[in-house]
Amino acid sequence: VSEKYAMEKMEWSSEQVRHLKKELASMEGKHYETTKSLKEEIEALKEELQLKELQVESLQSLQSAQRQETAELRAQLEKSSSCQVVSKFLMYLMCSW
């Protein structure tokens, strides 16, 4: 009886080992897929971040150009306004003679 019990115990143990090996392989596969998926997601996020950084640089460059253009237009306007004032003053002086 004890020899039969020992054989059953060994068979049960080897069956359990096979089951555990299958389970481990399944878990490793799931781990690999999860890791692969996370790596792909990280790469996609890195690419998105690079695009956003380029957009920020582009917007900053555009803002700088707009500020410069605004300053130039303001200077032209002030110069034009000054010329108009001087011109009107000269006209006034000429008319009053």
Protein backbone atom coordinates (compact mmCIF):
# COMPACT_ATOMS: atom_id res chain seq x y z
CA VAL A 1 0.00 0.00 0.00
CA SER A 2 2.73 2.47 0.86
CA GLU A 3 4.52 1.83 -2.46
CA LYS A 4 1.28 2.52 -4.37
CA TYR A 5 0.75 5.67 -2.30
CA ALA A 6 4.31 6.81 -3.05
CA MET A 7 3.74 6.29 -6.80
CA GLU A 8 0.48 8.26 -6.70
CA LYS A 9 2.24 10.99 -4.74
CA MET A 10 5.02 11.16 -7.35
CA GLU A 11 2.54 11.27 -10.24
CA TRP A 12 0.56 13.96 -8.54
CA SER A 13 3.71 15.94 -7.90
CA SER A 14 4.91 15.67 -11.50
CA GLU A 15 1.44 16.68 -12.74
CA GLN A 16 1.50 19.61 -10.35
CA VAL A 17 4.96 20.57 -11.60
CA ARG A 18 3.75 20.47 -15.24
CA HIS A 19 0.77 22.63 -14.29
CA LEU A 20 2.99 25.11 -12.47
CA LYS A 21 5.38 25.26 -15.45
CA LYS A 22 2.47 26.04 -17.77
CA GLU A 23 1.22 28.69 -15.38
CA LEU A 24 4.69 30.22 -15.12
CA ALA A 25 5.09 30.28 -18.91
CA SER A 26 1.71 31.96 -19.21
CA MET A 27 2.67 34.55 -16.62
CA GLU A 28 6.00 35.19 -18.37
CA GLY A 29 4.16 35.69 -21.66
CA LYS A 30 1.75 38.13 -20.06
CA HIS A 31 4.66 39.95 -18.41
CA TYR A 32 6.46 40.18 -21.77
CA GLU A 33 3.36 41.55 -23.51
CA THR A 34 2.72 44.06 -20.72
CA THR A 35 6.34 45.21 -20.77
CA LYS A 36 6.32 45.46 -24.57
CA SER A 37 3.08 47.44 -24.49
CA LEU A 38 4.42 49.81 -21.84
CA LYS A 39 7.64 50.36 -23.80
CA GLU A 40 5.62 51.19 -26.93
CA GLU A 41 3.44 53.58 -24.94
CA ILE A 42 6.52 55.28 -23.46
CA GLU A 43 8.02 55.70 -26.96
CA ALA A 44 4.76 57.19 -28.24
CA LEU A 45 4.70 59.62 -25.31
CA LYS A 46 8.32 60.61 -25.95
CA GLU A 47 7.50 61.35 -29.60
CA GLU A 48 4.46 63.37 -28.55
CA LEU A 49 6.60 65.33 -26.08
CA GLN A 50 9.16 66.10 -28.79
CA LEU A 51 6.40 67.40 -31.07
CA LYS A 52 5.02 69.57 -28.27
CA GLU A 53 8.50 70.96 -27.58
CA LEU A 54 8.89 71.83 -31.28
CA GLN A 55 5.47 73.52 -31.23
CA VAL A 56 6.49 75.56 -28.18
CA GLU A 57 9.74 76.63 -29.86
CA SER A 58 7.84 77.59 -33.00
CA LEU A 59 5.28 79.59 -31.03
CA GLN A 60 8.00 81.36 -29.05
CA SER A 61 9.78 82.25 -32.28
CA LEU A 62 6.53 83.54 -33.78
CA GLN A 63 5.79 85.60 -30.66
CA SER A 64 9.28 87.10 -30.79
CA ALA A 65 8.85 88.03 -34.46
CA GLN A 66 5.42 89.55 -33.72
CA ARG A 67 6.85 91.59 -30.83
CA GLN A 68 9.62 92.89 -33.08
CA GLU A 69 7.13 93.75 -35.84
CA THR A 70 4.86 95.50 -33.33
CA ALA A 71 7.79 97.55 -32.03
CA GLU A 72 8.76 98.53 -35.57
CA LEU A 73 5.18 99.51 -36.43
CA ARG A 74 4.90 101.50 -33.21
CA ALA A 75 8.14 103.35 -34.05
CA GLN A 76 6.86 104.09 -37.56
CA LEU A 77 3.55 105.30 -36.16
CA GLU A 78 5.26 107.57 -33.64
CA LYS A 79 7.53 108.94 -36.37
CA SER A 80 4.55 109.46 -38.67
CA SER A 81 2.56 111.14 -35.91
CA SER A 82 5.49 113.43 -35.12
CA CYS A 83 5.83 114.35 -38.79
CA GLN A 84 2.12 115.10 -39.00
CA VAL A 85 2.29 117.35 -35.94
CA VAL A 86 5.30 119.23 -37.32
CA SER A 87 3.65 119.47 -40.74
CA LYS A 88 0.42 120.84 -39.26
CA PHE A 89 2.37 123.30 -37.13
CA LEU A 90 4.30 124.53 -40.18
CA MET A 91 1.05 124.87 -42.14
CA TYR A 92 -0.41 126.85 -39.25
CA LEU A 93 2.62 129.12 -39.17
CA MET A 94 2.52 129.64 -42.93
CA CYS A 95 -1.20 130.40 -42.91
CA SER A 96 -0.90 132.85 -40.07
CA TRP A 97 1.64 135.03 -41.93
